[in-house]
Protein backbone atom coordinates (compact mmCIF):
# COMPACT_ATOMS: atom_id res chain seq x y z
CA MET A 1 -25.66 -20.69 -9.56
CA THR A 2 -28.26 -20.18 -6.71
CA THR A 3 -31.21 -17.80 -6.98
CA HIS A 4 -32.40 -15.98 -3.71
CA LYS A 5 -35.98 -14.49 -3.93
CA PHE A 6 -36.98 -11.54 -1.87
CA SER A 7 -40.02 -9.11 -1.58
CA HIS A 8 -37.95 -6.21 -0.76
CA SER A 9 -34.60 -4.80 -2.32
CA GLY A 10 -33.49 -3.61 1.34
CA ASP A 11 -33.90 -7.26 2.54
CA ALA A 12 -31.81 -8.58 -0.42
CA TYR A 13 -29.10 -6.10 0.40
CA ASP A 14 -29.01 -6.95 3.94
CA ALA A 15 -28.88 -10.72 3.24
CA CYS A 16 -25.85 -10.14 1.12
CA GLN A 17 -24.12 -8.83 4.33
CA CYS A 18 -25.03 -11.42 6.77
CA ASP A 19 -26.59 -14.62 5.22
CA ALA A 20 -23.74 -17.11 4.74
CA THR A 21 -25.76 -19.16 2.22
CA ILE A 22 -25.63 -16.18 -0.22
CA LYS A 23 -22.36 -16.58 -2.29
CA ASP A 24 -20.77 -13.77 -4.57
CA GLY A 25 -22.34 -14.19 -8.02
CA ASP A 26 -25.56 -15.65 -6.73
CA MET A 27 -28.63 -14.20 -8.34
CA LEU A 28 -30.96 -11.93 -6.57
CA PHE A 29 -34.65 -11.98 -7.67
CA VAL A 30 -36.67 -9.20 -6.06
CA THR A 31 -40.42 -8.44 -6.70
CA GLU A 32 -41.39 -5.62 -4.42
CA THR A 33 -44.14 -2.94 -4.15
CA PRO A 34 -42.75 0.19 -2.56
CA TRP A 35 -44.69 2.33 -0.41
CA LEU A 36 -45.17 5.94 -1.82
CA ASN A 37 -46.36 7.38 1.41
CA ASP A 38 -47.88 5.98 4.68
CA ASP A 39 -51.12 5.01 2.84
CA VAL A 40 -50.29 4.40 -0.80
CA ARG A 41 -48.26 1.78 -2.47
CA GLY A 42 -46.55 2.28 -5.79
CA PRO A 43 -46.29 0.01 -8.78
CA THR A 44 -44.66 -3.36 -8.32
CA ARG A 45 -41.02 -3.58 -9.55
CA THR A 46 -38.98 -6.56 -10.26
CA ILE A 47 -35.25 -6.56 -9.97
CA VAL A 48 -32.48 -9.04 -11.01
CA ALA A 49 -29.13 -8.70 -9.40
CA LEU A 50 -25.84 -10.48 -8.41
CA ALA A 51 -24.98 -10.88 -4.97
CA TRP A 52 -21.58 -9.29 -3.67
CA THR A 53 -20.69 -7.17 -0.51
CA TRP A 54 -22.24 -4.34 -2.77
CA PRO A 55 -24.85 -6.28 -4.63
CA VAL A 56 -25.48 -4.90 -8.09
CA ALA A 57 -28.76 -4.69 -10.14
CA VAL A 58 -28.54 -5.91 -13.72
CA THR A 59 -31.80 -4.34 -14.54
CA VAL A 60 -32.60 -0.71 -14.74
CA GLU A 61 -34.80 -1.12 -11.65
CA HIS A 62 -32.42 -1.35 -8.67
CA GLY A 63 -34.53 -0.43 -5.53
CA HIS A 64 -31.93 -0.22 -2.54
CA LEU A 65 -29.24 -2.17 -4.56
CA HIS A 66 -26.29 -0.80 -6.34
CA THR A 67 -26.25 0.07 -10.00
CA PRO A 68 -23.21 0.70 -12.15
CA ALA A 69 -22.48 3.92 -14.04
CA ASP A 70 -23.80 3.68 -17.53
CA ASP A 71 -20.11 3.50 -18.88
CA CYS A 72 -19.10 0.73 -16.40
CA ASP A 73 -16.77 -2.03 -17.65
CA VAL A 74 -18.90 -4.84 -16.46
CA HIS A 75 -16.08 -7.31 -17.15
CA ALA A 76 -13.86 -5.39 -14.70
CA LEU A 77 -16.77 -5.19 -12.25
CA ALA A 78 -17.18 -8.97 -12.47
CA GLU A 79 -13.54 -9.63 -11.87
CA ASP A 80 -13.67 -7.54 -8.92
CA ALA A 81 -16.78 -8.98 -7.53
CA GLY A 82 -15.69 -12.60 -8.22
CA TRP A 83 -18.56 -13.19 -10.68
CA THR A 84 -18.04 -15.62 -13.51
CA ARG A 85 -19.22 -14.97 -16.97
CA GLU A 86 -21.80 -17.48 -16.63
CA GLN A 87 -23.27 -15.97 -13.68
CA VAL A 88 -23.37 -12.43 -15.31
CA TRP A 89 -24.92 -13.94 -18.51
CA ASP A 90 -27.47 -15.92 -16.60
CA ALA A 91 -28.75 -12.91 -14.62
CA ILE A 92 -29.05 -10.92 -18.09
CA VAL A 93 -30.90 -14.04 -19.58
CA THR A 94 -33.18 -14.08 -16.62
CA ALA A 95 -34.00 -10.39 -16.85
CA ARG A 96 -34.70 -10.81 -20.53
CA THR A 97 -36.91 -13.58 -19.90
CA TYR A 98 -39.20 -11.53 -17.73
CA GLU A 99 -38.91 -8.65 -20.24
CA LEU A 100 -37.32 -6.38 -17.75
CA PRO A 101 -35.29 -3.38 -18.84
CA ILE A 102 -31.50 -4.21 -18.53
CA HIS A 103 -29.06 -1.51 -17.27
CA PRO A 104 -26.89 -0.14 -20.25
CA ALA A 105 -23.73 -1.38 -18.79
CA PHE A 106 -25.05 -5.02 -18.76
CA GLU A 107 -26.63 -4.51 -22.21
CA ARG A 108 -22.93 -4.27 -23.64
CA PHE A 109 -21.74 -7.54 -21.94
CA LYS A 110 -20.47 -10.07 -24.41
């Protein structure tokens, strides 16, 4: 699996739409500091996600990426998206390595 790094979740989303080097199931690693208003930046947030036409965050933080419902069946989502079990698991392990809160639907993934 290829990991693509971004400094803004909106850029990661857009890249999934038009960058041919990003394949379904690639990992998106986003570290961004959002603007709270014109002069003040908020706290930095880190997001781990999986690429797809509708990229989905594995972490609780999701920025401009999609997030599944808490009761989502991630196995069905992965099948729809064309993600392998290994790709989903690698994203979860990466999020845990960085001690990032994982979305409840992905916490149940086995």
